[in-house]
N, C-alpha and C. Protein backbone atom coordinates (compact mmCIF):
# COMPACT_ATOMS: atom_id res chain seq x y z
N MET A 1 105.89 97.57 111.92
CA MET A 1 104.88 98.68 111.84
C MET A 1 105.07 99.38 113.15
N HIS A 2 104.81 100.67 112.95
CA HIS A 2 104.92 101.60 114.04
C HIS A 2 103.62 102.07 114.58
N SER A 3 103.72 102.73 115.71
CA SER A 3 102.46 103.30 116.37
C SER A 3 101.74 104.24 115.40
N GLU A 4 102.55 104.96 114.56
CA GLU A 4 102.05 105.96 113.64
C GLU A 4 102.01 105.32 112.12
N LEU A 5 101.73 104.07 112.05
CA LEU A 5 101.99 103.28 110.85
C LEU A 5 101.08 103.92 109.65
N VAL A 6 99.94 104.36 109.89
CA VAL A 6 99.06 104.84 108.91
C VAL A 6 99.73 106.10 108.32
N ASN A 7 100.30 107.01 109.17
CA ASN A 7 101.00 108.21 108.67
C ASN A 7 102.29 107.84 108.00
N LEU A 8 103.03 106.92 108.53
CA LEU A 8 104.38 106.55 107.83
C LEU A 8 104.14 105.87 106.51
N ALA A 9 103.13 105.12 106.34
CA ALA A 9 102.96 104.41 105.13
C ALA A 9 102.53 105.37 103.92
N ARG A 10 101.83 106.43 104.27
CA ARG A 10 101.31 107.29 103.26
C ARG A 10 102.37 107.83 102.34
N PRO A 11 103.54 108.31 102.76
CA PRO A 11 104.48 108.84 101.69
C PRO A 11 105.05 107.73 100.74
N ILE A 12 105.15 106.59 101.24
CA ILE A 12 105.57 105.48 100.42
C ILE A 12 104.47 104.97 99.52
N ASN A 13 103.29 104.81 99.98
CA ASN A 13 102.08 104.33 99.28
C ASN A 13 100.89 105.00 99.94
N PRO A 14 100.26 106.00 99.25
CA PRO A 14 99.23 106.69 99.79
C PRO A 14 97.93 105.85 99.94
N TYR A 15 97.89 104.61 99.23
CA TYR A 15 96.69 103.70 99.40
C TYR A 15 97.32 102.36 99.61
N PRO A 16 97.82 102.02 100.76
CA PRO A 16 98.53 100.78 101.06
C PRO A 16 97.63 99.46 101.01
N LEU A 17 96.32 99.73 101.02
CA LEU A 17 95.39 98.54 100.95
C LEU A 17 94.93 98.14 99.67
N CYS A 18 95.37 98.93 98.56
CA CYS A 18 95.03 98.53 97.19
C CYS A 18 95.61 97.17 96.88
N GLY A 19 94.77 96.33 96.28
CA GLY A 19 95.30 94.93 96.04
C GLY A 19 95.09 93.97 97.15
N ARG A 20 94.69 94.52 98.30
CA ARG A 20 94.38 93.60 99.36
C ARG A 20 92.99 93.72 99.94
N LEU A 21 92.33 94.81 99.56
CA LEU A 21 90.98 95.15 100.07
C LEU A 21 89.96 94.83 99.02
N PHE A 22 88.97 94.05 99.40
CA PHE A 22 87.95 93.62 98.53
C PHE A 22 86.53 93.70 99.18
N CYS A 23 85.56 93.86 98.26
CA CYS A 23 84.20 93.77 98.74
C CYS A 23 83.76 92.36 98.99
N ARG A 24 82.81 92.17 99.75
CA ARG A 24 82.41 90.76 99.94
C ARG A 24 82.04 89.97 98.77
N CYS A 25 81.57 90.75 97.77
CA CYS A 25 81.26 90.02 96.46
C CYS A 25 82.47 89.71 95.66
N GLY A 26 83.66 90.13 96.07
CA GLY A 26 84.82 89.72 95.41
C GLY A 26 85.55 90.92 94.57
N ALA A 27 84.82 91.96 94.44
CA ALA A 27 85.32 93.14 93.68
C ALA A 27 86.37 93.89 94.49
N PRO A 28 87.63 94.23 93.80
CA PRO A 28 88.60 94.91 94.50
C PRO A 28 88.21 96.49 94.78
N PHE A 29 88.72 96.91 95.86
CA PHE A 29 88.54 98.39 96.14
C PHE A 29 89.78 98.95 95.53
N CYS A 30 89.56 100.20 95.07
CA CYS A 30 90.68 100.96 94.45
C CYS A 30 90.61 102.23 95.02
N ARG A 31 91.69 103.11 94.79
CA ARG A 31 91.72 104.48 95.30
C ARG A 31 90.63 105.36 94.69
N TRP A 32 90.21 106.28 95.47
CA TRP A 32 88.99 107.06 95.00
C TRP A 32 89.19 108.50 95.39
N GLY A 33 88.61 109.38 94.65
CA GLY A 33 88.60 110.78 94.99
C GLY A 33 89.53 111.64 94.17
N SER A 34 89.46 112.94 94.33
CA SER A 34 90.36 113.83 93.63
C SER A 34 91.40 114.24 94.59
N PRO A 35 92.51 114.84 94.01
CA PRO A 35 93.64 115.29 94.88
C PRO A 35 93.13 116.21 95.96
N ALA A 36 92.08 116.93 95.77
CA ALA A 36 91.63 117.93 96.85
C ALA A 36 90.69 117.17 97.86
N ALA A 37 90.32 116.03 97.59
CA ALA A 37 89.32 115.34 98.46
C ALA A 37 90.09 114.47 99.48
N LYS A 38 89.46 114.04 100.51
CA LYS A 38 90.13 113.08 101.36
C LYS A 38 90.35 111.77 100.74
N ARG A 39 91.26 110.97 101.29
CA ARG A 39 91.61 109.69 100.70
C ARG A 39 90.45 108.76 101.04
N GLU A 40 90.04 107.98 100.04
CA GLU A 40 88.99 106.96 100.13
C GLU A 40 89.26 105.77 99.23
N TYR A 41 88.60 104.62 99.55
CA TYR A 41 88.62 103.45 98.73
C TYR A 41 87.19 103.26 98.21
N MET A 42 87.07 102.68 97.06
CA MET A 42 85.82 102.40 96.45
C MET A 42 85.81 101.24 95.62
N ALA A 43 84.83 100.46 95.77
CA ALA A 43 84.64 99.21 94.82
C ALA A 43 83.51 99.55 93.80
N VAL A 44 83.65 99.30 92.60
CA VAL A 44 82.72 99.69 91.65
C VAL A 44 81.79 98.56 91.29
N CYS A 45 81.56 97.75 92.21
CA CYS A 45 80.68 96.55 92.01
C CYS A 45 79.14 96.83 92.12
N GLY A 46 78.88 97.99 92.82
CA GLY A 46 77.48 98.32 93.04
C GLY A 46 76.89 97.93 94.38
N CYS A 47 77.72 97.21 95.17
CA CYS A 47 77.27 96.75 96.45
C CYS A 47 77.24 97.89 97.50
N ARG A 48 78.02 98.92 97.26
CA ARG A 48 77.99 100.04 98.28
C ARG A 48 78.01 101.27 97.27
N LEU A 49 77.21 102.19 97.84
CA LEU A 49 76.91 103.46 97.12
C LEU A 49 77.96 104.54 97.46
N ARG A 50 78.64 104.34 98.68
CA ARG A 50 79.58 105.42 99.07
C ARG A 50 80.97 104.75 99.23
N PRO A 51 82.02 105.59 99.10
CA PRO A 51 83.33 105.06 99.34
C PRO A 51 83.68 104.90 100.83
N ILE A 52 84.74 104.21 101.06
CA ILE A 52 85.13 104.03 102.53
C ILE A 52 86.31 105.06 102.77
N ASP A 53 86.27 105.66 103.96
CA ASP A 53 87.30 106.53 104.34
C ASP A 53 88.55 105.70 104.57
N ALA A 54 89.65 106.17 103.84
CA ALA A 54 90.93 105.37 103.90
C ALA A 54 91.44 105.29 105.31
N ASP A 55 91.53 106.44 105.96
CA ASP A 55 92.06 106.45 107.30
C ASP A 55 91.34 105.49 108.27
N THR A 56 90.02 105.44 108.32
CA THR A 56 89.28 104.62 109.07
C THR A 56 89.56 103.10 108.82
N ILE A 57 89.52 102.70 107.62
CA ILE A 57 89.72 101.24 107.26
C ILE A 57 91.17 100.84 107.56
N GLU A 58 92.05 101.72 107.25
CA GLU A 58 93.47 101.45 107.52
C GLU A 58 93.86 101.23 108.96
N ARG A 59 93.18 102.13 109.81
CA ARG A 59 93.36 102.01 111.33
C ARG A 59 92.77 100.62 111.76
N ARG A 60 91.65 100.28 111.26
CA ARG A 60 91.03 99.03 111.61
C ARG A 60 91.90 97.81 111.20
N VAL A 61 92.37 97.81 110.04
CA VAL A 61 93.30 96.78 109.42
C VAL A 61 94.57 96.72 110.30
N TYR A 62 95.17 97.87 110.55
CA TYR A 62 96.46 97.89 111.27
C TYR A 62 96.24 97.48 112.68
N ALA A 63 95.16 97.75 113.35
CA ALA A 63 94.83 97.31 114.68
C ALA A 63 94.86 95.80 114.74
N ASP A 64 94.21 95.25 113.86
CA ASP A 64 94.12 93.68 113.77
C ASP A 64 95.50 93.10 113.56
N THR A 65 96.30 93.75 112.65
CA THR A 65 97.73 93.32 112.31
C THR A 65 98.54 93.40 113.47
N ALA A 66 98.52 94.50 114.31
CA ALA A 66 99.28 94.58 115.52
C ALA A 66 98.82 93.57 116.67
N ARG A 67 97.55 93.15 116.65
CA ARG A 67 97.08 92.18 117.50
C ARG A 67 97.69 90.77 117.15
N LEU A 68 97.71 90.51 115.89
CA LEU A 68 98.32 89.21 115.41
C LEU A 68 99.80 89.15 115.47
N ASP A 69 100.49 90.25 115.25
CA ASP A 69 101.95 90.29 115.10
C ASP A 69 102.41 91.43 115.93
N PRO A 70 102.48 91.35 117.27
CA PRO A 70 102.95 92.52 118.04
C PRO A 70 104.49 92.88 117.76
N VAL A 71 105.29 91.95 117.31
CA VAL A 71 106.75 92.18 117.00
C VAL A 71 106.70 93.27 115.84
N ALA A 72 105.90 92.96 114.82
CA ALA A 72 105.93 93.77 113.62
C ALA A 72 105.24 95.18 114.10
N ALA A 73 104.52 95.33 115.07
CA ALA A 73 103.93 96.58 115.50
C ALA A 73 104.93 97.43 116.25
N ALA A 74 105.97 96.80 116.71
CA ALA A 74 106.95 97.61 117.53
C ALA A 74 107.71 98.56 116.66
N ASP A 75 108.14 99.71 117.28
CA ASP A 75 108.87 100.70 116.59
C ASP A 75 110.22 100.01 116.13
N GLY A 76 110.77 100.39 114.91
CA GLY A 76 111.96 99.94 114.50
C GLY A 76 111.86 98.64 113.75
N SER A 77 110.73 98.04 113.56
CA SER A 77 110.50 96.84 112.78
C SER A 77 111.13 97.08 111.38
N PRO A 78 111.84 96.13 110.80
CA PRO A 78 112.49 96.40 109.53
C PRO A 78 111.40 96.17 108.32
N ALA A 79 110.24 95.48 108.69
CA ALA A 79 109.23 95.11 107.63
C ALA A 79 108.38 96.30 107.34
N THR A 80 108.10 96.53 106.02
CA THR A 80 107.14 97.59 105.66
C THR A 80 105.78 97.16 105.94
N PRO A 81 104.79 98.22 106.00
CA PRO A 81 103.44 97.79 106.35
C PRO A 81 102.99 96.79 105.26
N GLY A 82 103.19 96.96 103.97
CA GLY A 82 102.83 96.10 102.90
C GLY A 82 103.26 94.59 103.10
N GLU A 83 104.58 94.51 103.52
CA GLU A 83 105.10 93.15 103.76
C GLU A 83 104.47 92.46 104.84
N VAL A 84 104.14 93.18 105.97
CA VAL A 84 103.44 92.57 107.10
C VAL A 84 102.03 92.10 106.70
N LEU A 85 101.26 93.07 105.94
CA LEU A 85 100.03 92.68 105.51
C LEU A 85 99.99 91.46 104.56
N ALA A 86 101.00 91.39 103.62
CA ALA A 86 101.10 90.23 102.77
C ALA A 86 101.46 89.01 103.45
N ARG A 87 102.25 89.02 104.50
CA ARG A 87 102.68 87.87 105.27
C ARG A 87 101.42 87.36 106.12
N LEU A 88 100.56 88.25 106.61
CA LEU A 88 99.40 87.69 107.47
C LEU A 88 98.16 87.51 106.64
N TYR A 89 97.80 88.15 105.64
CA TYR A 89 96.45 87.99 104.95
C TYR A 89 96.62 87.75 103.53
N THR A 90 95.69 86.92 102.97
CA THR A 90 95.58 86.77 101.55
C THR A 90 94.68 87.95 100.98
N ARG A 91 93.80 88.35 101.80
CA ARG A 91 92.90 89.40 101.46
C ARG A 91 92.11 89.85 102.61
N ILE A 92 91.54 91.18 102.40
CA ILE A 92 90.70 91.73 103.46
C ILE A 92 89.44 92.08 102.93
N GLU A 93 88.36 91.52 103.35
CA GLU A 93 87.01 91.74 102.82
C GLU A 93 86.16 92.66 103.67
N VAL A 94 85.56 93.69 103.00
CA VAL A 94 84.70 94.60 103.79
C VAL A 94 83.23 94.32 103.33
N GLY A 95 82.36 94.28 104.35
CA GLY A 95 80.93 94.04 104.14
C GLY A 95 80.15 95.41 104.04
N GLY A 96 79.12 95.56 104.73
CA GLY A 96 78.28 96.84 104.64
C GLY A 96 78.95 98.01 105.32
N THR A 97 79.74 97.82 106.33
CA THR A 97 80.44 98.87 107.08
C THR A 97 81.87 98.56 107.30
N VAL A 98 82.61 99.64 107.68
CA VAL A 98 84.05 99.39 107.97
C VAL A 98 84.22 98.48 109.24
N ASP A 99 83.18 98.29 110.00
CA ASP A 99 83.33 97.44 111.18
C ASP A 99 83.06 96.01 110.78
N ASP A 100 82.47 95.82 109.51
CA ASP A 100 82.21 94.43 109.05
C ASP A 100 83.32 94.00 108.12
N VAL A 101 84.41 93.72 108.71
CA VAL A 101 85.69 93.33 108.08
C VAL A 101 85.94 91.80 108.23
N ARG A 102 86.30 91.16 107.28
CA ARG A 102 86.78 89.70 107.39
C ARG A 102 88.24 89.67 106.85
N PHE A 103 89.11 89.18 107.81
CA PHE A 103 90.49 89.13 107.45
C PHE A 103 90.71 87.63 107.04
N VAL A 104 91.12 87.40 105.84
CA VAL A 104 91.42 86.02 105.29
C VAL A 104 92.86 85.75 105.54
N PRO A 105 93.18 84.88 106.47
CA PRO A 105 94.60 84.63 106.88
C PRO A 105 95.36 83.91 105.83
N ARG A 106 96.61 84.09 105.72
CA ARG A 106 97.49 83.33 104.86
C ARG A 106 97.76 82.01 105.50
N LEU A 107 97.62 80.92 104.90
CA LEU A 107 97.77 79.53 105.48
C LEU A 107 99.22 79.09 105.40
C-alpha cells in the first residue's frame, strides 16, 4: 500500500471496501450514490439513516492497516490494497459513526 493508497485504489476498484465492510448488525455495506454524487457506502439494514463517506472510512481503514503492516504500507509494495485487507481482516464492522470501527482480524 502506498501513501496515496486511497487515490491509487480508486481506478482499479472505486469501492475497495465492498465485501469487507459491514454494519454491526451484520448487514453488508454497498456502494451508494449517483455518478454525480460523492462516493459513499450504505447498509440498507435500517441501523443508519445516512450513508458513510467513502474517503473518510477508507482513510480510517488504511491507517489501521498501515499500523498493522508497515511493510505493505511502503511505496512499491507488490500487494494490492484488496490483497492486504484480505490478509489482515475477515471483516470490518462500523457502528454508529466512522470512528466506531471494529477490525475483525484474520486468525
